[in-house]
Structures are given as C-alpha cells and as structure tokens.
C-alpha cells in the first residue's frame, strides 16, 4: 500500500513539472519577447500554445510507458 502511494505521488510530481515547466519558460519567454518587440500578446500566446503541445506530448508519452 505504501509503495502504491509513493508511486502515485511520484507520478503526480513528475506530471506537475512536465506541465508547469514548459508553460513557465515559454510563457515568460514570450512575454519578454513581446515587451522587447512591442508585439503584445503575440509571442505570449504562441509560447502558451507551444507549451500546451509540448506538455500534451510529454504526458502522452509518460502515460504510454506506464500502460505498457
């Protein structure tokens, strides 16, 4: 039982980082580019869209490895 809880918490932690890191990095990067180039909110939205795609692919791959 304790091992299952540990595995579940580990998976939640990994998925949290898998989703949070791309959105933070690409979101802030896009916001900084927008500020520098005066194109608000173009690069912010592009960064968020890319982060959703990257996170989705990463989560899909993680779930696929768990199921096999």
Protein backbone atom coordinates (compact mmCIF):
# COMPACT_ATOMS: atom_id res chain seq x y z
CA UNK A 1 0.00 0.00 0.00
CA UNK A 2 2.77 2.43 0.91
CA UNK A 3 4.59 1.67 -2.35
CA UNK A 4 1.45 2.44 -4.36
CA UNK A 5 1.04 5.77 -2.59
CA UNK A 6 4.67 6.62 -3.22
CA UNK A 7 4.36 5.72 -6.88
CA UNK A 8 1.23 7.82 -7.25
CA UNK A 9 2.85 10.82 -5.56
CA UNK A 10 5.95 10.43 -7.72
CA UNK A 11 3.82 10.33 -10.87
CA UNK A 12 1.87 13.41 -9.78
CA UNK A 13 5.12 15.25 -9.07
CA UNK A 14 6.57 14.32 -12.49
CA UNK A 15 3.40 15.30 -14.33
CA UNK A 16 3.25 18.58 -12.46
CA UNK A 17 6.73 19.51 -13.59
CA UNK A 18 6.05 18.21 -17.08
CA UNK A 19 3.13 20.60 -17.39
CA UNK A 20 4.43 23.57 -15.38
CA UNK A 21 7.97 23.98 -16.71
CA UNK A 22 7.12 24.50 -20.39
CA UNK A 23 4.35 26.98 -19.64
CA UNK A 24 6.54 28.97 -17.26
CA UNK A 25 9.56 29.02 -19.58
CA UNK A 26 7.70 29.63 -22.85
CA UNK A 27 5.11 31.93 -21.27
CA UNK A 28 7.70 34.19 -19.67
CA UNK A 29 9.90 33.98 -22.76
CA UNK A 30 7.01 35.05 -24.95
CA UNK A 31 6.09 37.88 -22.58
CA UNK A 32 9.68 39.12 -22.58
CA UNK A 33 9.82 39.00 -26.38
CA UNK A 34 6.52 40.88 -26.57
CA UNK A 35 7.84 43.54 -24.23
CA UNK A 36 11.06 43.90 -26.20
CA UNK A 37 9.42 43.92 -29.64
CA UNK A 38 6.16 45.65 -28.70
CA UNK A 39 4.04 42.83 -30.12
CA UNK A 40 1.88 42.07 -27.08
CA UNK A 41 0.32 39.44 -26.74
CA UNK A 42 1.54 37.64 -29.89
CA UNK A 43 4.57 35.76 -28.54
CA UNK A 44 2.92 35.14 -25.18
CA UNK A 45 0.08 33.32 -26.93
CA UNK A 46 2.50 31.43 -29.18
CA UNK A 47 4.52 30.39 -26.12
CA UNK A 48 1.43 29.19 -24.30
CA UNK A 49 0.23 27.25 -27.35
CA UNK A 50 3.64 25.60 -27.77
CA UNK A 51 3.77 24.73 -24.08
CA UNK A 52 0.35 23.06 -24.29
CA UNK A 53 1.54 20.98 -27.24
CA UNK A 54 4.85 20.06 -25.58
CA UNK A 55 3.16 19.20 -22.27
CA UNK A 56 0.49 17.15 -24.02
CA UNK A 57 3.06 15.10 -25.92
CA UNK A 58 5.16 14.58 -22.79
CA UNK A 59 2.17 13.47 -20.70
CA UNK A 60 1.02 11.15 -23.51
CA UNK A 61 4.46 9.53 -23.66
CA UNK A 62 4.58 9.13 -19.89
CA UNK A 63 1.14 7.53 -19.74
CA UNK A 64 2.02 5.30 -22.70
CA UNK A 65 5.13 3.98 -20.89
CA UNK A 66 3.07 3.32 -17.75
CA UNK A 67 0.42 1.35 -19.64
CA UNK A 68 2.92 -0.89 -21.45
